[in-house]
Amino acid sequence: MSLSRKRRKELTRLRKSADELWSHQQEVLERANVLARQAGHHAGVLAREEVGPRVREGYDHYVRPSVNATHDAADGVRRRVVNDVLPGIGTAIGTVMSVGDVARDARVRAALGRIRFQKPVVVEPKGPGAGTYFALGLAVVAAVGVAYAVWQTFRADDELWVTDDEVEPGTQED
């Protein structure tokens, strides 16, 4: 492919321009890398000096008390289980085992064999007795007493009412 002289000059200029652009981009990238390294270094310093202490302070202030309280509660539960629950369970298991041993004992079986089980005696009710009539009489007397007290309270007796003497205006009572 043959190019004209004009086109070759344009291609040469274009190639020089592209090489120049490439070198400028390389310089920009190198400068960007230097800036990124410096920013990373400054971020690390900032994290060590500012963020780390604040995170530690927040942990000590907010998280550690909750963790300690949870640890104390768990320790208390463990102590209660070990000191109260497990001995009780052990006692219950020992009692059940000793009852089983007693039930298997030949002397206990012989004693149970000697016991004669009788039918329970059922007593049939006969009807109202003297206590029932006495209670009914007492209830009637109490009802009559309450009725008399109510009648005495609400009856209209003119003699029971005392009227105040009318005082004329301008006179005084002694």
N, C-alpha and C. Protein backbone atom coordinates (compact mmCIF):
# COMPACT_ATOMS: atom_id res chain seq x y z
N MET A 1 0.84 -1.15 0.00
CA MET A 1 0.00 0.00 0.00
C MET A 1 0.90 1.22 0.00
N SER A 2 0.69 2.02 -0.95
CA SER A 2 1.54 3.19 -1.04
C SER A 2 0.73 4.39 -0.60
N LEU A 3 1.38 5.20 0.20
CA LEU A 3 0.73 6.40 0.74
C LEU A 3 1.37 7.62 0.10
N SER A 4 0.58 8.61 0.03
CA SER A 4 1.14 9.85 -0.49
C SER A 4 2.01 10.49 0.57
N ARG A 5 2.85 11.36 0.12
CA ARG A 5 3.78 12.02 1.01
C ARG A 5 3.04 12.80 2.09
N LYS A 6 1.96 13.41 1.73
CA LYS A 6 1.16 14.19 2.66
C LYS A 6 0.59 13.28 3.74
N ARG A 7 0.13 12.13 3.32
CA ARG A 7 -0.45 11.19 4.29
C ARG A 7 0.64 10.63 5.21
N ARG A 8 1.82 10.41 4.70
CA ARG A 8 2.90 9.91 5.54
C ARG A 8 3.29 10.94 6.58
N LYS A 9 3.32 12.20 6.21
CA LYS A 9 3.65 13.25 7.18
C LYS A 9 2.58 13.32 8.26
N GLU A 10 1.31 13.19 7.85
CA GLU A 10 0.22 13.21 8.83
C GLU A 10 0.34 12.02 9.78
N LEU A 11 0.65 10.86 9.24
CA LEU A 11 0.82 9.68 10.09
C LEU A 11 2.00 9.85 11.03
N THR A 12 3.06 10.43 10.56
CA THR A 12 4.23 10.65 11.41
C THR A 12 3.88 11.62 12.53
N ARG A 13 3.19 12.73 12.17
CA ARG A 13 2.78 13.68 13.21
C ARG A 13 1.81 13.02 14.20
N LEU A 14 0.91 12.23 13.68
CA LEU A 14 -0.05 11.56 14.54
C LEU A 14 0.65 10.57 15.47
N ARG A 15 1.68 9.87 14.94
CA ARG A 15 2.43 8.93 15.77
C ARG A 15 3.19 9.67 16.86
N LYS A 16 3.82 10.80 16.52
CA LYS A 16 4.54 11.59 17.51
C LYS A 16 3.56 12.09 18.57
N SER A 17 2.42 12.53 18.11
CA SER A 17 1.41 13.03 19.04
C SER A 17 0.94 11.91 19.98
N ALA A 18 0.74 10.71 19.45
CA ALA A 18 0.32 9.57 20.28
C ALA A 18 1.41 9.19 21.26
N ASP A 19 2.69 9.20 20.82
CA ASP A 19 3.80 8.89 21.74
C ASP A 19 3.89 9.93 22.84
N GLU A 20 3.67 11.17 22.48
CA GLU A 20 3.72 12.25 23.47
C GLU A 20 2.57 12.09 24.48
N LEU A 21 1.39 11.76 23.97
CA LEU A 21 0.23 11.53 24.85
C LEU A 21 0.48 10.35 25.77
N TRP A 22 1.09 9.29 25.21
CA TRP A 22 1.41 8.11 26.02
C TRP A 22 2.37 8.46 27.14
N SER A 23 3.39 9.26 26.85
CA SER A 23 4.36 9.63 27.88
C SER A 23 3.70 10.51 28.95
N HIS A 24 2.79 11.42 28.50
CA HIS A 24 2.07 12.25 29.48
C HIS A 24 1.19 11.38 30.39
N GLN A 25 0.53 10.38 29.82
CA GLN A 25 -0.32 9.48 30.61
C GLN A 25 0.52 8.69 31.60
N GLN A 26 1.72 8.25 31.19
CA GLN A 26 2.61 7.53 32.09
C GLN A 26 3.00 8.42 33.26
N GLU A 27 3.29 9.68 33.00
CA GLU A 27 3.67 10.62 34.07
C GLU A 27 2.49 10.83 35.02
N VAL A 28 1.27 10.98 34.43
CA VAL A 28 0.07 11.18 35.27
C VAL A 28 -0.15 9.95 36.15
N LEU A 29 -0.01 8.76 35.59
CA LEU A 29 -0.21 7.53 36.36
C LEU A 29 0.83 7.40 37.47
N GLU A 30 2.09 7.75 37.17
CA GLU A 30 3.13 7.70 38.20
C GLU A 30 2.80 8.66 39.34
N ARG A 31 2.37 9.86 38.97
CA ARG A 31 2.00 10.87 39.99
C ARG A 31 0.80 10.38 40.80
N ALA A 32 -0.18 9.75 40.14
CA ALA A 32 -1.35 9.22 40.85
C ALA A 32 -0.95 8.11 41.82
N ASN A 33 0.00 7.26 41.41
CA ASN A 33 0.50 6.21 42.31
C ASN A 33 1.18 6.79 43.53
N VAL A 34 1.98 7.82 43.33
CA VAL A 34 2.66 8.48 44.46
C VAL A 34 1.62 9.06 45.40
N LEU A 35 0.61 9.74 44.86
CA LEU A 35 -0.44 10.34 45.70
C LEU A 35 -1.23 9.26 46.43
N ALA A 36 -1.51 8.14 45.79
CA ALA A 36 -2.25 7.05 46.44
C ALA A 36 -1.46 6.47 47.60
N ARG A 37 -0.13 6.30 47.41
CA ARG A 37 0.71 5.79 48.50
C ARG A 37 0.71 6.76 49.67
N GLN A 38 0.83 8.05 49.37
CA GLN A 38 0.82 9.05 50.44
C GLN A 38 -0.54 9.06 51.17
N ALA A 39 -1.61 8.95 50.41
CA ALA A 39 -2.95 8.92 51.02
C ALA A 39 -3.11 7.69 51.91
N GLY A 40 -2.61 6.55 51.47
CA GLY A 40 -2.67 5.33 52.28
C GLY A 40 -1.88 5.49 53.56
N HIS A 41 -0.69 6.09 53.45
CA HIS A 41 0.13 6.32 54.64
C HIS A 41 -0.61 7.24 55.62
N HIS A 42 -1.18 8.34 55.11
CA HIS A 42 -1.90 9.28 55.97
C HIS A 42 -3.15 8.63 56.57
N ALA A 43 -3.82 7.77 55.82
CA ALA A 43 -5.01 7.07 56.34
C ALA A 43 -4.61 6.13 57.48
N GLY A 44 -3.47 5.44 57.34
CA GLY A 44 -3.00 4.57 58.41
C GLY A 44 -2.68 5.34 59.67
N VAL A 45 -2.00 6.50 59.48
CA VAL A 45 -1.66 7.34 60.64
C VAL A 45 -2.92 7.83 61.32
N LEU A 46 -3.89 8.28 60.52
CA LEU A 46 -5.15 8.77 61.06
C LEU A 46 -5.90 7.66 61.80
N ALA A 47 -5.89 6.47 61.25
CA ALA A 47 -6.56 5.35 61.90
C ALA A 47 -5.91 5.02 63.24
N ARG A 48 -4.56 5.05 63.29
CA ARG A 48 -3.87 4.76 64.54
C ARG A 48 -4.09 5.84 65.58
N GLU A 49 -4.09 7.10 65.16
CA GLU A 49 -4.14 8.20 66.12
C GLU A 49 -5.56 8.60 66.50
N GLU A 50 -6.52 8.51 65.59
CA GLU A 50 -7.86 9.01 65.86
C GLU A 50 -8.91 7.88 65.97
N VAL A 51 -8.97 7.03 65.00
CA VAL A 51 -10.05 6.03 64.94
C VAL A 51 -9.85 4.94 65.97
N GLY A 52 -8.65 4.44 66.08
CA GLY A 52 -8.37 3.36 67.03
C GLY A 52 -8.74 3.71 68.46
N PRO A 53 -8.26 4.85 68.98
CA PRO A 53 -8.63 5.20 70.35
C PRO A 53 -10.14 5.38 70.53
N ARG A 54 -10.81 5.95 69.54
CA ARG A 54 -12.27 6.13 69.67
C ARG A 54 -13.00 4.79 69.67
N VAL A 55 -12.54 3.88 68.85
CA VAL A 55 -13.16 2.55 68.83
C VAL A 55 -12.92 1.86 70.16
N ARG A 56 -11.70 1.93 70.69
CA ARG A 56 -11.41 1.34 71.99
C ARG A 56 -12.25 1.96 73.09
N GLU A 57 -12.37 3.28 73.07
CA GLU A 57 -13.17 3.98 74.07
C GLU A 57 -14.65 3.58 73.97
N GLY A 58 -15.17 3.50 72.77
CA GLY A 58 -16.55 3.06 72.57
C GLY A 58 -16.76 1.63 73.05
N TYR A 59 -15.81 0.77 72.77
CA TYR A 59 -15.90 -0.62 73.23
C TYR A 59 -15.90 -0.66 74.75
N ASP A 60 -14.95 0.07 75.37
CA ASP A 60 -14.87 0.07 76.83
C ASP A 60 -16.11 0.67 77.47
N HIS A 61 -16.69 1.66 76.81
CA HIS A 61 -17.83 2.37 77.40
C HIS A 61 -19.15 1.65 77.16
N TYR A 62 -19.35 1.06 75.98
CA TYR A 62 -20.65 0.49 75.64
C TYR A 62 -20.67 -1.03 75.66
N VAL A 63 -19.68 -1.67 75.10
CA VAL A 63 -19.73 -3.11 74.92
C VAL A 63 -19.23 -3.87 76.15
N ARG A 64 -18.10 -3.45 76.71
CA ARG A 64 -17.50 -4.17 77.82
C ARG A 64 -18.44 -4.31 79.03
N PRO A 65 -19.18 -3.25 79.45
CA PRO A 65 -20.11 -3.46 80.57
C PRO A 65 -21.17 -4.52 80.28
N SER A 66 -21.67 -4.55 79.06
CA SER A 66 -22.67 -5.58 78.72
C SER A 66 -22.03 -6.96 78.74
N VAL A 67 -20.83 -7.08 78.22
CA VAL A 67 -20.15 -8.37 78.22
C VAL A 67 -19.88 -8.81 79.66
N ASN A 68 -19.44 -7.88 80.51
CA ASN A 68 -19.18 -8.23 81.91
C ASN A 68 -20.47 -8.62 82.62
N ALA A 69 -21.56 -7.89 82.36
CA ALA A 69 -22.84 -8.22 82.99
C ALA A 69 -23.32 -9.60 82.54
N THR A 70 -23.16 -9.88 81.27
CA THR A 70 -23.56 -11.20 80.76
C THR A 70 -22.70 -12.30 81.37
N HIS A 71 -21.41 -12.02 81.49
CA HIS A 71 -20.50 -12.99 82.11
C HIS A 71 -20.90 -13.23 83.56
N ASP A 72 -21.21 -12.17 84.30
CA ASP A 72 -21.62 -12.31 85.70
C ASP A 72 -22.93 -13.09 85.81
N ALA A 73 -23.88 -12.80 84.91
CA ALA A 73 -25.16 -13.51 84.95
C ALA A 73 -24.95 -14.99 84.65
N ALA A 74 -24.12 -15.29 83.67
CA ALA A 74 -23.85 -16.69 83.33
C ALA A 74 -23.14 -17.39 84.48
N ASP A 75 -22.24 -16.69 85.15
CA ASP A 75 -21.55 -17.27 86.30
C ASP A 75 -22.53 -17.55 87.43
N GLY A 76 -23.47 -16.62 87.65
CA GLY A 76 -24.49 -16.83 88.68
C GLY A 76 -25.39 -18.02 88.35
N VAL A 77 -25.77 -18.15 87.10
CA VAL A 77 -26.59 -19.29 86.69
C VAL A 77 -25.82 -20.59 86.89
N ARG A 78 -24.56 -20.57 86.51
CA ARG A 78 -23.73 -21.78 86.69
C ARG A 78 -23.65 -22.15 88.17
N ARG A 79 -23.43 -21.16 89.02
CA ARG A 79 -23.34 -21.43 90.46
C ARG A 79 -24.64 -22.01 90.99
N ARG A 80 -25.81 -21.44 90.55
CA ARG A 80 -27.10 -21.93 91.02
C ARG A 80 -27.33 -23.37 90.55
N VAL A 81 -26.95 -23.66 89.32
CA VAL A 81 -27.14 -25.02 88.81
C VAL A 81 -26.26 -25.99 89.58
N VAL A 82 -25.01 -25.63 89.78
CA VAL A 82 -24.08 -26.54 90.45
C VAL A 82 -24.43 -26.70 91.93
N ASN A 83 -24.80 -25.60 92.60
CA ASN A 83 -25.04 -25.66 94.04
C ASN A 83 -26.45 -26.07 94.42
N ASP A 84 -27.46 -25.77 93.58
CA ASP A 84 -28.84 -26.03 93.97
C ASP A 84 -29.51 -27.13 93.14
N VAL A 85 -29.41 -27.03 91.83
CA VAL A 85 -30.17 -27.94 90.97
C VAL A 85 -29.55 -29.34 90.95
N LEU A 86 -28.26 -29.43 90.70
CA LEU A 86 -27.63 -30.75 90.60
C LEU A 86 -27.74 -31.56 91.90
N PRO A 87 -27.53 -30.95 93.09
CA PRO A 87 -27.74 -31.75 94.31
C PRO A 87 -29.19 -32.22 94.46
N GLY A 88 -30.14 -31.39 94.07
CA GLY A 88 -31.54 -31.79 94.15
C GLY A 88 -31.86 -32.94 93.22
N ILE A 89 -31.32 -32.88 92.01
CA ILE A 89 -31.53 -33.97 91.06
C ILE A 89 -30.88 -35.25 91.57
N GLY A 90 -29.68 -35.11 92.12
CA GLY A 90 -29.00 -36.28 92.68
C GLY A 90 -29.79 -36.89 93.83
N THR A 91 -30.35 -36.04 94.69
CA THR A 91 -31.16 -36.53 95.81
C THR A 91 -32.40 -37.25 95.30
N ALA A 92 -33.06 -36.66 94.29
CA ALA A 92 -34.26 -37.30 93.74
C ALA A 92 -33.93 -38.65 93.12
N ILE A 93 -32.84 -38.73 92.37
CA ILE A 93 -32.44 -40.01 91.76
C ILE A 93 -32.10 -41.03 92.83
N GLY A 94 -31.39 -40.61 93.86
CA GLY A 94 -31.06 -41.52 94.96
C GLY A 94 -32.30 -42.02 95.68
N THR A 95 -33.28 -41.14 95.87
CA THR A 95 -34.52 -41.55 96.53
C THR A 95 -35.27 -42.57 95.69
N VAL A 96 -35.36 -42.31 94.39
CA VAL A 96 -36.04 -43.26 93.50
C VAL A 96 -35.34 -44.61 93.51
N MET A 97 -34.03 -44.59 93.50
CA MET A 97 -33.28 -45.85 93.51
C MET A 97 -33.48 -46.59 94.84
N SER A 98 -33.49 -45.85 95.95
CA SER A 98 -33.68 -46.52 97.24
C SER A 98 -35.09 -47.08 97.36
N VAL A 99 -36.11 -46.38 96.81
CA VAL A 99 -37.47 -46.92 96.82
C VAL A 99 -37.52 -48.20 95.99
N GLY A 100 -36.84 -48.21 94.87
CA GLY A 100 -36.77 -49.43 94.06
C GLY A 100 -36.11 -50.57 94.81
N ASP A 101 -35.04 -50.27 95.56
CA ASP A 101 -34.37 -51.31 96.35
C ASP A 101 -35.29 -51.84 97.44
N VAL A 102 -36.03 -50.94 98.09
CA VAL A 102 -36.95 -51.36 99.15
C VAL A 102 -38.06 -52.22 98.55
N ALA A 103 -38.57 -51.83 97.38
CA ALA A 103 -39.66 -52.60 96.77
C ALA A 103 -39.20 -54.00 96.38
N ARG A 104 -37.93 -54.20 96.07
CA ARG A 104 -37.41 -55.50 95.69
C ARG A 104 -37.03 -56.36 96.90
N ASP A 105 -37.05 -55.76 98.08
CA ASP A 105 -36.65 -56.49 99.28
C ASP A 105 -37.69 -57.58 99.59
N ALA A 106 -37.21 -58.76 99.96
CA ALA A 106 -38.08 -59.91 100.22
C ALA A 106 -38.95 -59.67 101.45
N ARG A 107 -38.42 -59.01 102.47
CA ARG A 107 -39.20 -58.76 103.68
C ARG A 107 -40.39 -57.87 103.39
N VAL A 108 -40.18 -56.83 102.53
CA VAL A 108 -41.28 -55.92 102.19
C VAL A 108 -42.34 -56.66 101.39
N ARG A 109 -41.92 -57.52 100.49
CA ARG A 109 -42.88 -58.28 99.70
C ARG A 109 -43.68 -59.24 100.59
N ALA A 110 -43.04 -59.82 101.56
CA ALA A 110 -43.74 -60.72 102.48
C ALA A 110 -44.75 -59.94 103.32
N ALA A 111 -44.37 -58.75 103.77
CA ALA A 111 -45.29 -57.93 104.57
C ALA A 111 -46.49 -57.50 103.74
N LEU A 112 -46.27 -57.13 102.48
CA LEU A 112 -47.39 -56.75 101.61
C LEU A 112 -48.29 -57.94 101.33
N GLY A 113 -47.75 -59.14 101.30
CA GLY A 113 -48.55 -60.34 101.07
C GLY A 113 -49.45 -60.65 102.25
N ARG A 114 -49.03 -60.26 103.46
CA ARG A 114 -49.84 -60.53 104.65
C ARG A 114 -51.01 -59.56 104.80
N ILE A 115 -50.95 -58.44 104.13
CA ILE A 115 -52.02 -57.44 104.25
C ILE A 115 -53.21 -57.91 103.44
N ARG A 116 -54.36 -57.90 104.10
CA ARG A 116 -55.59 -58.27 103.40
C ARG A 116 -56.31 -56.98 103.03
N PHE A 117 -56.58 -56.87 101.79
CA PHE A 117 -57.28 -55.68 101.34
C PHE A 117 -58.78 -55.94 101.43
N GLN A 118 -59.47 -55.07 102.15
CA GLN A 118 -60.91 -55.21 102.31
C GLN A 118 -61.62 -54.21 101.41
N LYS A 119 -62.89 -54.56 101.14
CA LYS A 119 -63.70 -53.66 100.35
C LYS A 119 -64.06 -52.47 101.23
N PRO A 120 -64.05 -51.29 100.66
CA PRO A 120 -64.44 -50.14 101.49
C PRO A 120 -65.93 -50.20 101.82
N VAL A 121 -66.26 -49.82 103.04
CA VAL A 121 -67.64 -49.83 103.51
C VAL A 121 -68.27 -48.50 103.12
N VAL A 122 -69.37 -48.55 102.40
CA VAL A 122 -70.07 -47.34 101.98
C VAL A 122 -71.27 -47.15 102.87
N VAL A 123 -71.37 -46.02 103.53
CA VAL A 123 -72.50 -45.72 104.42
C VAL A 123 -73.52 -44.94 103.61
N GLU A 124 -74.76 -45.46 103.58
CA GLU A 124 -75.80 -44.79 102.82
C GLU A 124 -76.42 -43.70 103.67
N PRO A 125 -76.72 -42.56 103.08
CA PRO A 125 -77.38 -41.50 103.87
C PRO A 125 -78.80 -41.91 104.21
N LYS A 126 -79.23 -41.55 105.45
CA LYS A 126 -80.55 -41.96 105.93
C LYS A 126 -81.60 -40.88 105.75
N GLY A 127 -81.24 -39.66 105.58
CA GLY A 127 -82.21 -38.58 105.47
C GLY A 127 -81.84 -37.46 106.43
N PRO A 128 -82.69 -36.46 106.51
CA PRO A 128 -82.36 -35.35 107.40
C PRO A 128 -82.41 -35.78 108.86
N GLY A 129 -81.41 -35.36 109.60
CA GLY A 129 -81.34 -35.71 111.01
C GLY A 129 -81.69 -34.52 111.89
N ALA A 130 -81.38 -34.65 113.17
CA ALA A 130 -81.71 -33.60 114.13
C ALA A 130 -80.91 -32.33 113.86
N GLY A 131 -79.68 -32.48 113.38
CA GLY A 131 -78.85 -31.31 113.09
C GLY A 131 -79.44 -30.47 111.97
N THR A 132 -80.03 -31.12 110.98
CA THR A 132 -80.63 -30.40 109.86
C THR A 132 -81.80 -29.56 110.35
N TYR A 133 -82.65 -30.16 111.21
CA TYR A 133 -83.81 -29.41 111.71
C TYR A 133 -83.38 -28.28 112.64
N PHE A 134 -82.35 -28.51 113.42
CA PHE A 134 -81.85 -27.45 114.31
C PHE A 134 -81.31 -26.28 113.48
N ALA A 135 -80.57 -26.57 112.41
CA ALA A 135 -80.02 -25.51 111.56
C ALA A 135 -81.13 -24.73 110.88
N LEU A 136 -82.19 -25.42 110.41
CA LEU A 136 -83.32 -24.72 109.78
C LEU A 136 -84.03 -23.81 110.78
N GLY A 137 -84.22 -24.28 112.01
CA GLY A 137 -84.86 -23.46 113.05
C GLY A 137 -84.03 -22.23 113.36
N LEU A 138 -82.74 -22.40 113.45
CA LEU A 138 -81.84 -21.28 113.73
C LEU A 138 -81.89 -20.26 112.59
N ALA A 139 -81.97 -20.71 111.35
CA ALA A 139 -82.06 -19.80 110.21
C ALA A 139 -83.37 -19.02 110.23
N VAL A 140 -84.48 -19.67 110.61
CA VAL A 140 -85.78 -18.99 110.69
C VAL A 140 -85.75 -17.92 111.77
N VAL A 141 -85.18 -18.23 112.93
CA VAL A 141 -85.09 -17.25 114.03
C VAL A 141 -84.24 -16.06 113.59
N ALA A 142 -83.14 -16.29 112.89
CA ALA A 142 -82.28 -15.20 112.43
C ALA A 142 -83.01 -14.34 111.42
N ALA A 143 -83.77 -14.93 110.53
CA ALA A 143 -84.52 -14.17 109.53
C ALA A 143 -85.59 -13.31 110.20
N VAL A 144 -86.29 -13.85 111.21
CA VAL A 144 -87.31 -13.08 111.94
C VAL A 144 -86.65 -11.92 112.66
N GLY A 145 -85.50 -12.13 113.24
CA GLY A 145 -84.80 -11.05 113.95
C GLY A 145 -84.40 -9.93 113.00
N VAL A 146 -83.90 -10.27 111.83
CA VAL A 146 -83.52 -9.25 110.86
C VAL A 146 -84.76 -8.49 110.37
N ALA A 147 -85.86 -9.20 110.14
CA ALA A 147 -87.09 -8.54 109.69
C ALA A 147 -87.61 -7.57 110.75
N TYR A 148 -87.57 -7.97 112.03
CA TYR A 148 -88.02 -7.09 113.12
C TYR A 148 -87.14 -5.84 113.21
N ALA A 149 -85.82 -6.00 113.05
CA ALA A 149 -84.91 -4.85 113.13
C ALA A 149 -85.18 -3.88 111.99
N VAL A 150 -85.47 -4.39 110.80
CA VAL A 150 -85.79 -3.53 109.66
C VAL A 150 -87.11 -2.81 109.90
N TRP A 151 -88.11 -3.52 110.43
CA TRP A 151 -89.42 -2.91 110.70
C TRP A 151 -89.29 -1.80 111.74
N GLN A 152 -88.50 -2.01 112.78
CA GLN A 152 -88.30 -1.00 113.81
C GLN A 152 -87.59 0.22 113.26
N THR A 153 -86.70 0.00 112.30
CA THR A 153 -85.95 1.11 111.74
C THR A 153 -86.82 1.98 110.86
N PHE A 154 -87.71 1.39 110.10
CA PHE A 154 -88.47 2.16 109.12
C PHE A 154 -89.90 2.53 109.57
N ARG A 155 -90.33 2.17 110.74
CA ARG A 155 -91.71 2.51 111.13
C ARG A 155 -91.80 3.99 111.41
N ALA A 156 -92.99 4.52 111.24
CA ALA A 156 -93.21 5.96 111.42
C ALA A 156 -93.81 6.19 112.80
N ASP A 157 -93.01 6.69 113.70
CA ASP A 157 -93.48 7.05 115.05
C ASP A 157 -93.37 8.55 115.19
N ASP A 158 -94.49 9.16 115.41
CA ASP A 158 -94.45 10.62 115.59
C ASP A 158 -93.81 10.98 116.91
N GLU A 159 -93.88 10.07 117.88
CA GLU A 159 -93.32 10.37 119.19
C GLU A 159 -91.79 10.35 119.17
N LEU A 160 -91.24 9.67 118.23
CA LEU A 160 -89.78 9.57 118.19
C LEU A 160 -89.13 10.84 117.66
N TRP A 161 -89.89 11.62 116.92
CA TRP A 161 -89.34 12.81 116.31
C TRP A 161 -89.50 13.99 117.24
N VAL A 162 -88.48 14.71 117.50
CA VAL A 162 -88.51 15.91 118.34
C VAL A 162 -88.29 17.09 117.44
N THR A 163 -89.21 18.02 117.46
CA THR A 163 -89.07 19.18 116.61
C THR A 163 -88.38 20.28 117.37
N ASP A 164 -87.63 21.07 116.69
CA ASP A 164 -86.95 22.21 117.30
C ASP A 164 -87.98 23.31 117.51
N ASP A 165 -87.88 23.99 118.65
CA ASP A 165 -88.76 25.15 118.87
C ASP A 165 -88.35 26.23 117.92
N GLU A 166 -89.36 26.83 117.37
CA GLU A 166 -89.05 27.90 116.43
C GLU A 166 -88.52 29.09 117.19
N VAL A 167 -87.48 29.67 116.69
CA VAL A 167 -86.86 30.84 117.31
C VAL A 167 -87.28 32.05 116.50
N GLU A 168 -87.81 33.06 117.21
CA GLU A 168 -88.22 34.27 116.52
C GLU A 168 -86.99 35.08 116.18
N PRO A 169 -87.06 35.78 115.06
CA PRO A 169 -85.90 36.60 114.72
C PRO A 169 -85.69 37.71 115.72
N GLY A 170 -84.50 37.94 116.08
CA GLY A 170 -84.15 39.01 117.02
C GLY A 170 -84.01 38.52 118.44
N THR A 171 -84.45 37.27 118.74
CA THR A 171 -84.28 36.74 120.09
C THR A 171 -83.17 35.71 120.07
N GLN A 172 -82.55 35.58 121.20
CA GLN A 172 -81.46 34.61 121.30
C GLN A 172 -81.82 33.52 122.28
N GLU A 173 -81.31 32.33 122.01
CA GLU A 173 -81.50 31.21 122.96
C GLU A 173 -80.34 31.19 123.92
N ASP A 174 -80.64 30.78 125.14
CA ASP A 174 -79.58 30.66 126.14
C ASP A 174 -79.09 29.26 126.25
